[in-house]
């Protein structure tokens, strides 16, 4: 599982990555509550591409004033999926 964390202090956090067992990209947004305010990618193969999640992350970043540069994440996330898939096949 890959995990990329973007935050603005202790309040707003965006987590985006690849979940190999579920074969999906995921996105979590936390405003400091016990549970994430938004959690996408909780079902098997829900998000086979990271594009939609990166768009959502960009929108959250702008709305909540996070200093997140989401220009490279699509390529980074696709590389994470390749790496995690390769590891899973070799196990």
N, C-alpha and C. Protein backbone atom coordinates (compact mmCIF):
# COMPACT_ATOMS: atom_id res chain seq x y z
N UNK A 1 0.86 -1.17 0.00
CA UNK A 1 0.00 0.00 0.00
C UNK A 1 0.90 1.23 0.00
N UNK A 2 0.57 2.15 -0.89
CA UNK A 2 1.32 3.40 -0.88
C UNK A 2 0.50 4.45 -0.14
N UNK A 3 1.17 5.46 0.35
CA UNK A 3 0.50 6.48 1.16
C UNK A 3 1.26 7.78 1.03
N UNK A 4 0.60 8.79 0.47
CA UNK A 4 1.18 10.12 0.33
C UNK A 4 0.34 11.07 1.16
N UNK A 5 0.98 11.78 2.09
CA UNK A 5 0.26 12.64 3.04
C UNK A 5 0.61 14.09 2.76
N UNK A 6 -0.44 14.90 2.66
CA UNK A 6 -0.30 16.35 2.46
C UNK A 6 -1.09 17.01 3.57
N UNK A 7 -0.47 17.97 4.27
CA UNK A 7 -1.17 18.57 5.39
C UNK A 7 -0.90 20.07 5.52
N UNK A 8 -1.79 20.70 6.30
CA UNK A 8 -1.64 22.11 6.67
C UNK A 8 -1.78 22.16 8.18
N UNK A 9 -0.68 22.03 8.87
CA UNK A 9 -0.73 22.01 10.33
C UNK A 9 -1.38 20.73 10.82
N UNK A 10 -2.11 20.82 11.92
CA UNK A 10 -2.74 19.65 12.53
C UNK A 10 -4.20 19.49 12.13
N UNK A 11 -4.72 20.36 11.28
CA UNK A 11 -6.16 20.37 11.05
C UNK A 11 -6.58 19.62 9.79
N UNK A 12 -6.08 19.99 8.66
CA UNK A 12 -6.54 19.41 7.40
C UNK A 12 -5.46 18.53 6.78
N UNK A 13 -5.82 17.31 6.46
CA UNK A 13 -4.86 16.37 5.90
C UNK A 13 -5.49 15.64 4.72
N UNK A 14 -4.74 15.52 3.64
CA UNK A 14 -5.15 14.72 2.49
C UNK A 14 -4.19 13.54 2.40
N UNK A 15 -4.74 12.35 2.30
CA UNK A 15 -3.95 11.13 2.13
C UNK A 15 -4.43 10.48 0.84
N UNK A 16 -3.51 10.16 -0.03
CA UNK A 16 -3.86 9.55 -1.31
C UNK A 16 -2.84 8.44 -1.60
N UNK A 17 -3.31 7.33 -2.18
CA UNK A 17 -2.39 6.24 -2.45
C UNK A 17 -3.05 5.09 -3.17
N UNK A 18 -2.33 3.97 -3.23
CA UNK A 18 -2.77 2.75 -3.89
C UNK A 18 -2.92 1.65 -2.85
N UNK A 19 -4.06 0.96 -2.85
CA UNK A 19 -4.33 -0.17 -1.95
C UNK A 19 -4.27 -1.45 -2.78
N UNK A 20 -3.18 -2.17 -2.68
CA UNK A 20 -2.98 -3.38 -3.49
C UNK A 20 -4.03 -4.46 -3.23
N UNK A 21 -4.35 -4.79 -1.96
CA UNK A 21 -5.35 -5.84 -1.75
C UNK A 21 -6.72 -5.51 -2.37
N UNK A 22 -7.13 -4.25 -2.32
CA UNK A 22 -8.41 -3.86 -2.91
C UNK A 22 -8.29 -3.50 -4.39
N UNK A 23 -7.06 -3.40 -4.89
CA UNK A 23 -6.83 -3.03 -6.29
C UNK A 23 -7.53 -1.71 -6.64
N UNK A 24 -7.33 -0.70 -5.77
CA UNK A 24 -7.95 0.59 -5.99
C UNK A 24 -7.07 1.71 -5.45
N UNK A 25 -7.18 2.86 -6.07
CA UNK A 25 -6.58 4.06 -5.49
C UNK A 25 -7.55 4.56 -4.43
N UNK A 26 -7.03 5.25 -3.43
CA UNK A 26 -7.89 5.76 -2.36
C UNK A 26 -7.52 7.20 -2.02
N UNK A 27 -8.47 7.88 -1.39
CA UNK A 27 -8.29 9.26 -0.95
C UNK A 27 -8.99 9.41 0.39
N UNK A 28 -8.28 10.00 1.34
CA UNK A 28 -8.89 10.34 2.62
C UNK A 28 -8.67 11.83 2.86
N UNK A 29 -9.68 12.47 3.42
CA UNK A 29 -9.55 13.87 3.82
C UNK A 29 -10.00 13.96 5.26
N UNK A 30 -9.15 14.53 6.10
CA UNK A 30 -9.39 14.59 7.54
C UNK A 30 -9.29 16.04 7.99
N UNK A 31 -10.34 16.51 8.65
CA UNK A 31 -10.35 17.86 9.20
C UNK A 31 -10.11 17.85 10.70
N UNK A 32 -9.52 16.80 11.21
CA UNK A 32 -9.22 16.73 12.63
C UNK A 32 -10.20 15.89 13.42
N UNK A 33 -11.20 15.30 12.77
CA UNK A 33 -12.17 14.44 13.45
C UNK A 33 -11.57 13.05 13.63
N UNK A 34 -12.28 12.21 14.41
CA UNK A 34 -11.80 10.85 14.61
C UNK A 34 -11.77 10.06 13.31
N UNK A 35 -12.80 10.20 12.50
CA UNK A 35 -12.91 9.52 11.22
C UNK A 35 -12.68 10.52 10.09
N UNK A 36 -12.14 10.08 8.97
CA UNK A 36 -11.97 10.99 7.83
C UNK A 36 -13.30 11.59 7.39
N UNK A 37 -13.29 12.86 7.00
CA UNK A 37 -14.49 13.52 6.50
C UNK A 37 -14.89 12.94 5.14
N UNK A 38 -13.91 12.50 4.39
CA UNK A 38 -14.13 11.92 3.07
C UNK A 38 -13.21 10.72 2.94
N UNK A 39 -13.74 9.61 2.46
CA UNK A 39 -12.93 8.42 2.28
C UNK A 39 -13.41 7.71 1.02
N UNK A 40 -12.65 7.83 -0.03
CA UNK A 40 -12.94 7.20 -1.32
C UNK A 40 -11.96 6.04 -1.52
N UNK A 41 -12.42 5.00 -2.19
CA UNK A 41 -11.54 3.86 -2.46
C UNK A 41 -11.62 2.80 -1.39
N UNK A 42 -12.82 2.57 -0.86
CA UNK A 42 -12.99 1.57 0.20
C UNK A 42 -13.52 0.24 -0.33
N UNK A 43 -13.87 0.21 -1.63
CA UNK A 43 -14.38 -1.02 -2.23
C UNK A 43 -13.40 -1.52 -3.29
N UNK A 44 -13.42 -2.81 -3.52
CA UNK A 44 -12.53 -3.43 -4.50
C UNK A 44 -12.71 -2.81 -5.88
N UNK A 45 -11.58 -2.39 -6.46
CA UNK A 45 -11.52 -1.81 -7.81
C UNK A 45 -12.41 -0.58 -8.00
N UNK A 46 -12.66 0.15 -6.91
CA UNK A 46 -13.53 1.33 -6.97
C UNK A 46 -12.94 2.43 -7.85
N UNK A 47 -11.62 2.66 -7.73
CA UNK A 47 -10.95 3.70 -8.51
C UNK A 47 -9.71 3.10 -9.18
N UNK A 48 -9.87 2.51 -10.37
CA UNK A 48 -8.72 1.91 -11.06
C UNK A 48 -7.74 2.95 -11.60
N UNK A 49 -8.17 4.20 -11.68
CA UNK A 49 -7.32 5.30 -12.12
C UNK A 49 -7.28 6.36 -11.03
N UNK A 50 -6.15 7.02 -10.82
CA UNK A 50 -6.07 8.04 -9.78
C UNK A 50 -6.60 9.41 -10.21
N UNK A 51 -6.93 9.59 -11.49
CA UNK A 51 -7.26 10.91 -12.01
C UNK A 51 -8.38 11.61 -11.23
N UNK A 52 -9.49 10.94 -11.02
CA UNK A 52 -10.62 11.56 -10.31
C UNK A 52 -10.24 11.94 -8.88
N UNK A 53 -9.48 11.08 -8.22
CA UNK A 53 -9.09 11.35 -6.83
C UNK A 53 -8.12 12.53 -6.75
N UNK A 54 -7.23 12.65 -7.71
CA UNK A 54 -6.31 13.78 -7.74
C UNK A 54 -7.09 15.08 -7.98
N UNK A 55 -8.11 15.03 -8.83
CA UNK A 55 -8.96 16.20 -9.04
C UNK A 55 -9.65 16.61 -7.75
N UNK A 56 -10.20 15.64 -7.03
CA UNK A 56 -10.85 15.92 -5.74
C UNK A 56 -9.83 16.49 -4.76
N UNK A 57 -8.65 15.90 -4.70
CA UNK A 57 -7.60 16.39 -3.79
C UNK A 57 -7.22 17.83 -4.11
N UNK A 58 -7.12 18.15 -5.39
CA UNK A 58 -6.82 19.52 -5.79
C UNK A 58 -7.90 20.48 -5.32
N UNK A 59 -9.17 20.08 -5.48
CA UNK A 59 -10.27 20.92 -5.06
C UNK A 59 -10.26 21.13 -3.55
N UNK A 60 -10.00 20.06 -2.79
CA UNK A 60 -9.91 20.18 -1.33
C UNK A 60 -8.74 21.06 -0.93
N UNK A 61 -7.64 20.91 -1.63
CA UNK A 61 -6.45 21.70 -1.34
C UNK A 61 -6.74 23.19 -1.48
N UNK A 62 -7.40 23.56 -2.56
CA UNK A 62 -7.74 24.98 -2.78
C UNK A 62 -8.76 25.44 -1.75
N UNK A 63 -9.79 24.65 -1.53
CA UNK A 63 -10.87 25.05 -0.61
C UNK A 63 -10.38 25.25 0.82
N UNK A 64 -9.47 24.39 1.27
CA UNK A 64 -9.02 24.45 2.66
C UNK A 64 -7.64 25.08 2.82
N UNK A 65 -7.12 25.66 1.76
CA UNK A 65 -5.86 26.39 1.85
C UNK A 65 -4.65 25.52 2.12
N UNK A 66 -4.69 24.29 1.67
CA UNK A 66 -3.53 23.42 1.85
C UNK A 66 -2.50 23.75 0.78
N UNK A 67 -1.28 23.75 1.17
CA UNK A 67 -0.20 24.01 0.21
C UNK A 67 0.21 22.71 -0.44
N UNK A 68 -0.69 22.14 -1.23
CA UNK A 68 -0.46 20.85 -1.86
C UNK A 68 -0.20 21.07 -3.34
N UNK A 69 0.90 20.55 -3.81
CA UNK A 69 1.20 20.57 -5.24
C UNK A 69 0.82 19.21 -5.80
N UNK A 70 -0.32 19.15 -6.47
CA UNK A 70 -0.82 17.88 -6.95
C UNK A 70 -0.52 17.68 -8.44
N UNK A 71 0.52 18.29 -8.95
CA UNK A 71 0.83 18.19 -10.38
C UNK A 71 1.41 16.82 -10.74
N UNK A 72 2.23 16.24 -9.89
CA UNK A 72 2.89 14.98 -10.20
C UNK A 72 2.20 13.74 -9.67
N UNK A 73 1.21 13.83 -8.80
CA UNK A 73 0.70 12.62 -8.16
C UNK A 73 0.17 11.55 -9.09
N UNK A 74 -0.41 11.89 -10.22
CA UNK A 74 -0.95 10.84 -11.09
C UNK A 74 0.17 9.89 -11.50
N UNK A 75 1.28 10.41 -11.98
CA UNK A 75 2.40 9.55 -12.39
C UNK A 75 3.01 8.82 -11.19
N UNK A 76 3.11 9.51 -10.06
CA UNK A 76 3.64 8.88 -8.84
C UNK A 76 2.74 7.73 -8.40
N UNK A 77 1.43 7.96 -8.41
CA UNK A 77 0.49 6.92 -7.98
C UNK A 77 0.49 5.73 -8.94
N UNK A 78 0.58 6.00 -10.21
CA UNK A 78 0.66 4.89 -11.17
C UNK A 78 1.93 4.07 -10.96
N UNK A 79 3.03 4.75 -10.64
CA UNK A 79 4.27 4.04 -10.33
C UNK A 79 4.12 3.22 -9.05
N UNK A 80 3.41 3.76 -8.05
CA UNK A 80 3.14 3.02 -6.81
C UNK A 80 2.39 1.73 -7.12
N UNK A 81 1.37 1.83 -7.98
CA UNK A 81 0.57 0.65 -8.32
C UNK A 81 1.45 -0.40 -8.99
N UNK A 82 2.31 0.01 -9.92
CA UNK A 82 3.20 -0.95 -10.58
C UNK A 82 4.12 -1.62 -9.56
N UNK A 83 4.70 -0.84 -8.67
CA UNK A 83 5.62 -1.37 -7.66
C UNK A 83 4.91 -2.35 -6.73
N UNK A 84 3.74 -1.95 -6.23
CA UNK A 84 3.00 -2.80 -5.29
C UNK A 84 2.51 -4.07 -5.98
N UNK A 85 2.09 -3.98 -7.22
CA UNK A 85 1.64 -5.16 -7.96
C UNK A 85 2.78 -6.13 -8.18
N UNK A 86 3.95 -5.60 -8.50
CA UNK A 86 5.13 -6.44 -8.70
C UNK A 86 5.51 -7.15 -7.41
N UNK A 87 5.46 -6.44 -6.28
CA UNK A 87 5.77 -7.05 -4.98
C UNK A 87 4.78 -8.15 -4.66
N UNK A 88 3.50 -7.91 -4.93
CA UNK A 88 2.47 -8.90 -4.62
C UNK A 88 2.65 -10.17 -5.45
N UNK A 89 3.06 -10.02 -6.70
CA UNK A 89 3.27 -11.19 -7.55
C UNK A 89 4.45 -12.02 -7.09
N UNK A 90 5.47 -11.37 -6.51
CA UNK A 90 6.67 -12.10 -6.11
C UNK A 90 6.51 -12.76 -4.73
N UNK A 91 5.46 -12.44 -4.03
CA UNK A 91 5.26 -13.02 -2.68
C UNK A 91 4.57 -14.35 -2.73
